């Protein structure tokens, strides 16, 4: 049992090394980042390659393998949430021509919670964003993140606010606990969340949380638009309706 647990832990340490900035790494780089002896790492990589969890590419580098992607697509976040959300995301995109995001709260603990992006729709005319499917961003600087915060109960929210510093992403990011409390109160009052250049300069995000759906983590859907093109009330009405419609569709699945 101990050997099995050790093997799984080492495997996760290796897989966690791969990032958007570093999607391909050599064995030496993996050994340096994990602290696993190179001889042990080579044996582990041979096993993971045989299972399809990693793939060896040119230049003696390794990447995430197709089997890992295949298994990930069996998650309820893909099979149930993203697939059900696609028509609703398409309608939002057609109404705005801008980025549409679908995110969940993960992990659930307030001290470490982030917005995990599980769906994204964009076009050639959409304003550039930092988001990607499978990417994570702070809750307090993103529209979907603020929507998720506003939907938490007060006890959870206080643990979030006091459990870590609020990091600054841009000069417009909210880093004061009191200011974020006030912002969340306004979000709850109006029914949707707003961020103005708090994650990326020039962007405005409008998002709404879904009412709770059994079997899924908390979910939010939102739009990121050019700040100068933003009609806040129109976008707010669109995302609130999309959140209601998507929640209804998910309960029918």
C-alpha atoms as a PDB file:
ATOM      1  CA  UNK A   1       0.000   0.000   0.000  1.00  0.00           C
ATOM      2  CA  UNK A   2       2.835   2.408   0.924  1.00  0.00           C
ATOM      3  CA  UNK A   3       4.602   1.670  -2.371  1.00  0.00           C
ATOM      4  CA  UNK A   4       1.395   2.336  -4.299  1.00  0.00           C
ATOM      5  CA  UNK A   5       0.829   5.613  -2.492  1.00  0.00           C
ATOM      6  CA  UNK A   6       4.445   6.606  -3.107  1.00  0.00           C
ATOM      7  CA  UNK A   7       4.142   5.843  -6.800  1.00  0.00           C
ATOM      8  CA  UNK A   8       0.946   7.895  -7.125  1.00  0.00           C
ATOM      9  CA  UNK A   9       2.465  10.829  -5.256  1.00  0.00           C
ATOM     10  CA  UNK A  10       5.567  10.805  -7.448  1.00  0.00           C
ATOM     11  CA  UNK A  11       3.391  10.574 -10.565  1.00  0.00           C
ATOM     12  CA  UNK A  12       1.407  13.648  -9.529  1.00  0.00           C
ATOM     13  CA  UNK A  13       4.625  15.544  -8.768  1.00  0.00           C
ATOM     14  CA  UNK A  14       5.763  14.839 -12.324  1.00  0.00           C
ATOM     15  CA  UNK A  15       2.445  15.723 -13.957  1.00  0.00           C
ATOM     16  CA  UNK A  16       2.172  18.946 -11.943  1.00  0.00           C
ATOM     17  CA  UNK A  17       5.415  20.163 -13.550  1.00  0.00           C
ATOM     18  CA  UNK A  18       3.713  20.695 -16.910  1.00  0.00           C
ATOM     19  CA  UNK A  19       2.218  24.147 -17.377  1.00  0.00           C
ATOM     20  CA  UNK A  20       0.921  26.385 -20.132  1.00  0.00           C
ATOM     21  CA  UNK A  21       4.361  28.010 -20.274  1.00  0.00           C
ATOM     22  CA  UNK A  22       6.198  24.681 -20.076  1.00  0.00           C
ATOM     23  CA  UNK A  23       4.102  22.042 -21.885  1.00  0.00           C
ATOM     24  CA  UNK A  24       7.197  19.972 -22.814  1.00  0.00           C
ATOM     25  CA  UNK A  25      10.052  19.147 -20.423  1.00  0.00           C
ATOM     26  CA  UNK A  26      13.155  16.961 -20.466  1.00  0.00           C
ATOM     27  CA  UNK A  27      13.784  14.256 -17.893  1.00  0.00           C
ATOM     28  CA  UNK A  28      16.547  16.402 -16.409  1.00  0.00           C
ATOM     29  CA  UNK A  29      14.148  19.339 -16.014  1.00  0.00           C
ATOM     30  CA  UNK A  30      11.552  17.083 -14.408  1.00  0.00           C
ATOM     31  CA  UNK A  31      14.147  15.667 -12.018  1.00  0.00           C
ATOM     32  CA  UNK A  32      15.225  19.176 -11.031  1.00  0.00           C
ATOM     33  CA  UNK A  33      11.648  20.337 -10.421  1.00  0.00           C
ATOM     34  CA  UNK A  34      10.482  17.245  -8.524  1.00  0.00           C
ATOM     35  CA  UNK A  35      13.638  16.307  -6.648  1.00  0.00           C
ATOM     36  CA  UNK A  36      13.206  12.700  -7.828  1.00  0.00           C
ATOM     37  CA  UNK A  37      16.560  11.017  -8.622  1.00  0.00           C
ATOM     38  CA  UNK A  38      17.115  10.848 -12.378  1.00  0.00           C
ATOM     39  CA  UNK A  39      17.406   7.047 -12.448  1.00  0.00           C
ATOM     40  CA  UNK A  40      14.112   6.696 -10.566  1.00  0.00           C
ATOM     41  CA  UNK A  41      12.498   9.316 -12.776  1.00  0.00           C
ATOM     42  CA  UNK A  42      13.512   7.504 -15.982  1.00  0.00           C
ATOM     43  CA  UNK A  43      11.813   4.326 -14.716  1.00  0.00           C
ATOM     44  CA  UNK A  44       8.714   6.299 -13.754  1.00  0.00           C
ATOM     45  CA  UNK A  45       8.600   8.040 -17.140  1.00  0.00           C
ATOM     46  CA  UNK A  46       8.895   4.678 -18.915  1.00  0.00           C
ATOM     47  CA  UNK A  47       5.867   3.434 -16.984  1.00  0.00           C
ATOM     48  CA  UNK A  48       3.856   6.594 -17.603  1.00  0.00           C
ATOM     49  CA  UNK A  49       4.739   6.541 -21.300  1.00  0.00           C
ATOM     50  CA  UNK A  50       3.619   2.929 -21.575  1.00  0.00           C
ATOM     51  CA  UNK A  51       0.286   3.877 -20.000  1.00  0.00           C
ATOM     52  CA  UNK A  52      -0.163   6.841 -22.336  1.00  0.00           C
ATOM     53  CA  UNK A  53      -0.152   9.350 -19.475  1.00  0.00           C
ATOM     54  CA  UNK A  54       2.892  11.106 -20.900  1.00  0.00           C
ATOM     55  CA  UNK A  55       4.343  11.113 -24.418  1.00  0.00           C
ATOM     56  CA  UNK A  56       7.970  11.383 -25.473  1.00  0.00           C
ATOM     57  CA  UNK A  57       8.499  13.959 -28.209  1.00  0.00           C
ATOM     58  CA  UNK A  58      11.404  15.257 -30.248  1.00  0.00           C
ATOM     59  CA  UNK A  59      14.372  16.662 -28.390  1.00  0.00           C
ATOM     60  CA  UNK A  60      14.035  14.057 -25.613  1.00  0.00           C
ATOM     61  CA  UNK A  61      11.134  15.959 -24.125  1.00  0.00           C
ATOM     62  CA  UNK A  62       7.944  14.729 -22.520  1.00  0.00           C
ATOM     63  CA  UNK A  63       4.398  16.099 -22.708  1.00  0.00           C
ATOM     64  CA  UNK A  64       1.016  15.201 -21.223  1.00  0.00           C
ATOM     65  CA  UNK A  65      -0.228  12.091 -23.021  1.00  0.00           C
ATOM     66  CA  UNK A  66      -3.495  11.366 -24.864  1.00  0.00           C
ATOM     67  CA  UNK A  67      -4.683   8.852 -22.271  1.00  0.00           C
ATOM     68  CA  UNK A  68      -4.697  11.533 -19.592  1.00  0.00           C
ATOM     69  CA  UNK A  69      -6.729  13.824 -21.846  1.00  0.00           C
ATOM     70  CA  UNK A  70      -9.102  10.946 -22.641  1.00  0.00           C
ATOM     71  CA  UNK A  71      -9.688  10.237 -18.961  1.00  0.00           C
ATOM     72  CA  UNK A  72     -10.231  13.924 -18.228  1.00  0.00           C
ATOM     73  CA  UNK A  73     -12.999  14.056 -20.814  1.00  0.00           C
ATOM     74  CA  UNK A  74     -14.946  11.539 -18.701  1.00  0.00           C
ATOM     75  CA  UNK A  75     -15.221  14.045 -15.846  1.00  0.00           C
ATOM     76  CA  UNK A  76     -18.699  15.479 -15.157  1.00  0.00           C
ATOM     77  CA  UNK A  77     -17.122  18.874 -15.860  1.00  0.00           C
ATOM     78  CA  UNK A  78     -16.750  17.747 -19.473  1.00  0.00           C
ATOM     79  CA  UNK A  79     -19.473  15.172 -20.074  1.00  0.00           C
ATOM     80  CA  UNK A  80     -22.237  16.930 -18.177  1.00  0.00           C
ATOM     81  CA  UNK A  81     -21.365  20.576 -17.570  1.00  0.00           C
ATOM     82  CA  UNK A  82     -19.441  21.662 -20.652  1.00  0.00           C
ATOM     83  CA  UNK A  83     -21.511  19.693 -23.145  1.00  0.00           C
ATOM     84  CA  UNK A  84     -24.764  21.004 -21.688  1.00  0.00           C
ATOM     85  CA  UNK A  85     -23.379  24.551 -21.539  1.00  0.00           C
ATOM     86  CA  UNK A  86     -22.217  24.755 -25.160  1.00  0.00           C
ATOM     87  CA  UNK A  87     -25.549  25.875 -26.706  1.00  0.00           C
ATOM     88  CA  UNK A  88     -25.949  28.528 -24.005  1.00  0.00           C
ATOM     89  CA  UNK A  89     -22.379  29.734 -24.583  1.00  0.00           C
ATOM     90  CA  UNK A  90     -23.018  29.894 -28.328  1.00  0.00           C
ATOM     91  CA  UNK A  91     -26.057  32.107 -27.765  1.00  0.00           C
ATOM     92  CA  UNK A  92     -24.033  34.464 -25.584  1.00  0.00           C
ATOM     93  CA  UNK A  93     -21.273  34.611 -28.176  1.00  0.00           C
ATOM     94  CA  UNK A  94     -23.733  35.278 -30.999  1.00  0.00           C
ATOM     95  CA  UNK A  95     -25.302  38.098 -28.977  1.00  0.00           C
ATOM     96  CA  UNK A  96     -21.983  39.794 -28.198  1.00  0.00           C
ATOM     97  CA  UNK A  97     -19.219  38.507 -30.485  1.00  0.00           C
ATOM     98  CA  UNK A  98     -16.979  38.437 -27.430  1.00  0.00           C
ATOM     99  CA  UNK A  99     -15.338  35.906 -25.122  1.00  0.00           C
ATOM    100  CA  UNK A 100     -17.633  33.595 -23.176  1.00  0.00           C
ATOM    101  CA  UNK A 101     -16.270  31.783 -20.112  1.00  0.00           C
ATOM    102  CA  UNK A 102     -17.542  28.893 -18.020  1.00  0.00           C
ATOM    103  CA  UNK A 103     -15.832  28.310 -14.679  1.00  0.00           C
ATOM    104  CA  UNK A 104     -16.211  26.311 -11.483  1.00  0.00           C
ATOM    105  CA  UNK A 105     -14.980  26.788  -7.934  1.00  0.00           C
ATOM    106  CA  UNK A 106     -12.019  24.487  -7.272  1.00  0.00           C
ATOM    107  CA  UNK A 107     -10.877  23.385  -4.791  1.00  0.00           C
ATOM    108  CA  UNK A 108     -13.816  23.949  -2.438  1.00  0.00           C
ATOM    109  CA  UNK A 109     -11.695  25.086   0.536  1.00  0.00           C
ATOM    110  CA  UNK A 110     -11.828  28.907   0.782  1.00  0.00           C
ATOM    111  CA  UNK A 111      -8.140  29.200   1.675  1.00  0.00           C
ATOM    112  CA  UNK A 112      -7.086  27.756  -1.696  1.00  0.00           C
ATOM    113  CA  UNK A 113     -10.144  28.169  -3.957  1.00  0.00           C
ATOM    114  CA  UNK A 114      -9.706  29.478  -7.503  1.00  0.00           C
ATOM    115  CA  UNK A 115     -11.784  29.827 -10.671  1.00  0.00           C
ATOM    116  CA  UNK A 116     -11.097  26.775 -12.842  1.00  0.00           C
ATOM    117  CA  UNK A 117     -12.053  27.458 -16.471  1.00  0.00           C
ATOM    118  CA  UNK A 118     -13.861  24.489 -18.012  1.00  0.00           C
ATOM    119  CA  UNK A 119     -15.279  26.147 -21.126  1.00  0.00           C
ATOM    120  CA  UNK A 120     -14.314  29.017 -23.397  1.00  0.00           C
ATOM    121  CA  UNK A 121     -15.672  30.460 -26.624  1.00  0.00           C
ATOM    122  CA  UNK A 122     -13.967  33.244 -28.554  1.00  0.00           C
ATOM    123  CA  UNK A 123     -13.646  34.707 -32.049  1.00  0.00           C
ATOM    124  CA  UNK A 124     -11.306  36.727 -34.224  1.00  0.00           C
ATOM    125  CA  UNK A 125     -12.815  40.018 -33.083  1.00  0.00           C
ATOM    126  CA  UNK A 126     -12.832  39.137 -29.382  1.00  0.00           C
ATOM    127  CA  UNK A 127     -10.521  41.028 -27.072  1.00  0.00           C
ATOM    128  CA  UNK A 128      -7.487  38.941 -25.985  1.00  0.00           C
ATOM    129  CA  UNK A 129      -7.728  37.335 -22.545  1.00  0.00           C
ATOM    130  CA  UNK A 130      -5.417  35.270 -20.341  1.00  0.00           C
ATOM    131  CA  UNK A 131      -7.941  32.491 -19.862  1.00  0.00           C
ATOM    132  CA  UNK A 132      -7.780  29.016 -21.338  1.00  0.00           C
ATOM    133  CA  UNK A 133      -9.701  25.807 -20.801  1.00  0.00           C
ATOM    134  CA  UNK A 134      -8.139  24.043 -17.855  1.00  0.00           C
ATOM    135  CA  UNK A 135      -6.556  27.277 -16.649  1.00  0.00           C
ATOM    136  CA  UNK A 136      -6.990  28.835 -13.237  1.00  0.00           C
ATOM    137  CA  UNK A 137      -7.337  32.459 -12.176  1.00  0.00           C
ATOM    138  CA  UNK A 138      -7.969  34.263  -8.878  1.00  0.00           C
ATOM    139  CA  UNK A 139     -11.532  34.640  -7.716  1.00  0.00           C
ATOM    140  CA  UNK A 140     -11.236  38.312  -6.745  1.00  0.00           C
ATOM    141  CA  UNK A 141      -9.963  39.601 -10.127  1.00  0.00           C
ATOM    142  CA  UNK A 142     -12.234  37.771 -12.583  1.00  0.00           C
ATOM    143  CA  UNK A 143     -15.910  38.172 -13.389  1.00  0.00           C
ATOM    144  CA  UNK A 144     -16.712  34.480 -13.004  1.00  0.00           C
ATOM    145  CA  UNK A 145     -14.627  34.414  -9.828  1.00  0.00           C
ATOM    146  CA  UNK A 146     -16.489  37.311  -8.240  1.00  0.00           C
ATOM    147  CA  UNK A 147     -19.798  35.702  -9.214  1.00  0.00           C
ATOM    148  CA  UNK A 148     -18.701  32.517  -7.456  1.00  0.00           C
ATOM    149  CA  UNK A 149     -17.641  34.506  -4.381  1.00  0.00           C
ATOM    150  CA  UNK A 150     -20.980  36.311  -4.195  1.00  0.00           C
ATOM    151  CA  UNK A 151     -22.783  32.958  -4.195  1.00  0.00           C
ATOM    152  CA  UNK A 152     -20.868  31.627  -1.160  1.00  0.00           C
ATOM    153  CA  UNK A 153     -22.274  31.904   2.337  1.00  0.00           C
ATOM    154  CA  UNK A 154     -20.875  34.515   4.720  1.00  0.00           C
ATOM    155  CA  UNK A 155     -18.843  32.040   6.805  1.00  0.00           C
ATOM    156  CA  UNK A 156     -17.081  30.664   3.706  1.00  0.00           C
ATOM    157  CA  UNK A 157     -16.526  34.175   2.395  1.00  0.00           C
ATOM    158  CA  UNK A 158     -14.890  35.374   5.619  1.00  0.00           C
ATOM    159  CA  UNK A 159     -12.503  32.428   5.568  1.00  0.00           C
ATOM    160  CA  UNK A 160     -11.605  33.332   1.984  1.00  0.00           C
ATOM    161  CA  UNK A 161     -11.091  37.021   2.739  1.00  0.00           C
ATOM    162  CA  UNK A 162      -8.949  36.430   5.807  1.00  0.00           C
ATOM    163  CA  UNK A 163      -7.161  33.283   4.676  1.00  0.00           C
ATOM    164  CA  UNK A 164      -4.728  34.783   2.150  1.00  0.00           C
ATOM    165  CA  UNK A 165      -3.561  38.089   0.670  1.00  0.00           C
ATOM    166  CA  UNK A 166      -5.470  39.442  -2.319  1.00  0.00           C
ATOM    167  CA  UNK A 167      -2.824  39.503  -5.048  1.00  0.00           C
ATOM    168  CA  UNK A 168      -2.692  42.361  -7.543  1.00  0.00           C
ATOM    169  CA  UNK A 169      -3.012  41.371 -11.234  1.00  0.00           C
ATOM    170  CA  UNK A 170      -3.288  44.917 -12.631  1.00  0.00           C
ATOM    171  CA  UNK A 171      -3.287  48.419 -11.206  1.00  0.00           C
ATOM    172  CA  UNK A 172      -7.098  48.156 -11.081  1.00  0.00           C
ATOM    173  CA  UNK A 173      -7.247  44.947  -9.019  1.00  0.00           C
ATOM    174  CA  UNK A 174      -8.994  45.084  -5.659  1.00  0.00           C
ATOM    175  CA  UNK A 175      -6.517  44.134  -2.927  1.00  0.00           C
ATOM    176  CA  UNK A 176      -8.384  45.535   0.083  1.00  0.00           C
ATOM    177  CA  UNK A 177     -10.576  43.110   2.024  1.00  0.00           C
ATOM    178  CA  UNK A 178     -13.068  45.864   2.871  1.00  0.00           C
ATOM    179  CA  UNK A 179     -13.313  47.014  -0.743  1.00  0.00           C
ATOM    180  CA  UNK A 180     -13.861  43.435  -1.909  1.00  0.00           C
ATOM    181  CA  UNK A 181     -16.596  42.950   0.705  1.00  0.00           C
ATOM    182  CA  UNK A 182     -18.331  46.056  -0.648  1.00  0.00           C
ATOM    183  CA  UNK A 183     -17.905  44.847  -4.232  1.00  0.00           C
ATOM    184  CA  UNK A 184     -19.416  41.449  -3.374  1.00  0.00           C
ATOM    185  CA  UNK A 185     -22.349  43.176  -1.662  1.00  0.00           C
ATOM    186  CA  UNK A 186     -22.990  45.172  -4.856  1.00  0.00           C
ATOM    187  CA  UNK A 187     -22.754  41.966  -6.889  1.00  0.00           C
ATOM    188  CA  UNK A 188     -25.393  40.319  -4.733  1.00  0.00           C
ATOM    189  CA  UNK A 189     -27.630  43.376  -4.987  1.00  0.00           C
ATOM    190  CA  UNK A 190     -27.518  43.729  -8.772  1.00  0.00           C
ATOM    191  CA  UNK A 191     -27.490  39.966  -9.486  1.00  0.00           C
ATOM    192  CA  UNK A 192     -24.292  39.798 -11.522  1.00  0.00           C
ATOM    193  CA  UNK A 193     -20.577  40.424 -11.033  1.00  0.00           C
ATOM    194  CA  UNK A 194     -18.410  43.045 -12.709  1.00  0.00           C
ATOM    195  CA  UNK A 195     -14.674  43.496 -13.131  1.00  0.00           C
ATOM    196  CA  UNK A 196     -13.174  46.515 -14.841  1.00  0.00           C
ATOM    197  CA  UNK A 197      -9.579  45.957 -15.976  1.00  0.00           C
ATOM    198  CA  UNK A 198      -8.884  43.959 -12.821  1.00  0.00           C
ATOM    199  CA  UNK A 199      -7.399  40.933 -14.611  1.00  0.00           C
ATOM    200  CA  UNK A 200      -6.418  42.472 -17.972  1.00  0.00           C
ATOM    201  CA  UNK A 201      -6.288  46.149 -18.863  1.00  0.00           C
ATOM    202  CA  UNK A 202      -8.898  47.203 -21.425  1.00  0.00           C
ATOM    203  CA  UNK A 203     -11.321  44.424 -20.465  1.00  0.00           C
ATOM    204  CA  UNK A 204     -14.646  44.390 -18.688  1.00  0.00           C
ATOM    205  CA  UNK A 205     -16.132  41.128 -17.452  1.00  0.00           C
ATOM    206  CA  UNK A 206     -19.761  40.447 -16.567  1.00  0.00           C
ATOM    207  CA  UNK A 207     -20.709  37.132 -14.972  1.00  0.00           C
ATOM    208  CA  UNK A 208     -23.413  35.348 -13.010  1.00  0.00           C
ATOM    209  CA  UNK A 209     -23.373  32.252 -10.832  1.00  0.00           C
ATOM    210  CA  UNK A 210     -25.748  29.357 -11.382  1.00  0.00           C
ATOM    211  CA  UNK A 211     -27.991  28.193  -8.576  1.00  0.00           C
ATOM    212  CA  UNK A 212     -26.609  25.002  -7.081  1.00  0.00           C
ATOM    213  CA  UNK A 213     -26.789  21.879  -9.265  1.00  0.00           C
ATOM    214  CA  UNK A 214     -26.453  18.465  -7.590  1.00  0.00           C
ATOM    215  CA  UNK A 215     -23.334  16.564  -8.590  1.00  0.00           C
ATOM    216  CA  UNK A 216     -21.395  19.624  -9.754  1.00  0.00           C
ATOM    217  CA  UNK A 217     -19.221  22.201  -8.012  1.00  0.00           C
ATOM    218  CA  UNK A 218     -20.398  25.839  -7.960  1.00  0.00           C
ATOM    219  CA  UNK A 219     -20.569  27.180 -11.551  1.00  0.00           C
ATOM    220  CA  UNK A 220     -20.494  30.648 -13.122  1.00  0.00           C
ATOM    221  CA  UNK A 221     -20.827  31.851 -16.704  1.00  0.00           C
ATOM    222  CA  UNK A 222     -19.572  35.181 -17.990  1.00  0.00           C
ATOM    223  CA  UNK A 223     -18.523  37.443 -20.842  1.00  0.00           C
ATOM    224  CA  UNK A 224     -15.303  39.418 -21.297  1.00  0.00           C
ATOM    225  CA  UNK A 225     -15.632  42.407 -23.627  1.00  0.00           C
ATOM    226  CA  UNK A 226     -13.802  45.508 -24.791  1.00  0.00           C
ATOM    227  CA  UNK A 227     -14.285  48.098 -22.065  1.00  0.00           C
ATOM    228  CA  UNK A 228     -15.232  50.835 -24.540  1.00  0.00           C
ATOM    229  CA  UNK A 229     -17.880  48.590 -26.152  1.00  0.00           C
ATOM    230  CA  UNK A 230     -19.500  47.494 -22.910  1.00  0.00           C
ATOM    231  CA  UNK A 231     -23.211  47.985 -22.244  1.00  0.00           C
ATOM    232  CA  UNK A 232     -23.184  46.745 -18.662  1.00  0.00           C
ATOM    233  CA  UNK A 233     -26.928  46.409 -18.140  1.00  0.00           C
ATOM    234  CA  UNK A 234     -27.517  44.603 -21.416  1.00  0.00           C
ATOM    235  CA  UNK A 235     -24.639  42.204 -20.740  1.00  0.00           C
ATOM    236  CA  UNK A 236     -25.803  41.692 -17.171  1.00  0.00           C
ATOM    237  CA  UNK A 237     -29.271  40.711 -18.333  1.00  0.00           C
ATOM    238  CA  UNK A 238     -27.775  38.309 -20.889  1.00  0.00           C
ATOM    239  CA  UNK A 239     -25.510  36.473 -18.447  1.00  0.00           C
ATOM    240  CA  UNK A 240     -28.161  36.269 -15.728  1.00  0.00           C
ATOM    241  CA  UNK A 241     -30.592  34.693 -18.195  1.00  0.00           C
ATOM    242  CA  UNK A 242     -27.882  32.340 -19.489  1.00  0.00           C
ATOM    243  CA  UNK A 243     -27.107  31.225 -15.924  1.00  0.00           C
ATOM    244  CA  UNK A 244     -30.794  30.533 -15.257  1.00  0.00           C
ATOM    245  CA  UNK A 245     -31.255  28.646 -18.528  1.00  0.00           C
ATOM    246  CA  UNK A 246     -28.093  26.589 -18.052  1.00  0.00           C
ATOM    247  CA  UNK A 247     -29.006  25.641 -14.486  1.00  0.00           C
ATOM    248  CA  UNK A 248     -32.400  24.490 -15.728  1.00  0.00           C
ATOM    249  CA  UNK A 249     -30.834  22.431 -18.521  1.00  0.00           C
ATOM    250  CA  UNK A 250     -28.361  20.806 -16.105  1.00  0.00           C
ATOM    251  CA  UNK A 251     -31.134  19.752 -13.755  1.00  0.00           C
ATOM    252  CA  UNK A 252     -32.823  18.018 -16.690  1.00  0.00           C
ATOM    253  CA  UNK A 253     -29.700  15.948 -17.500  1.00  0.00           C
END
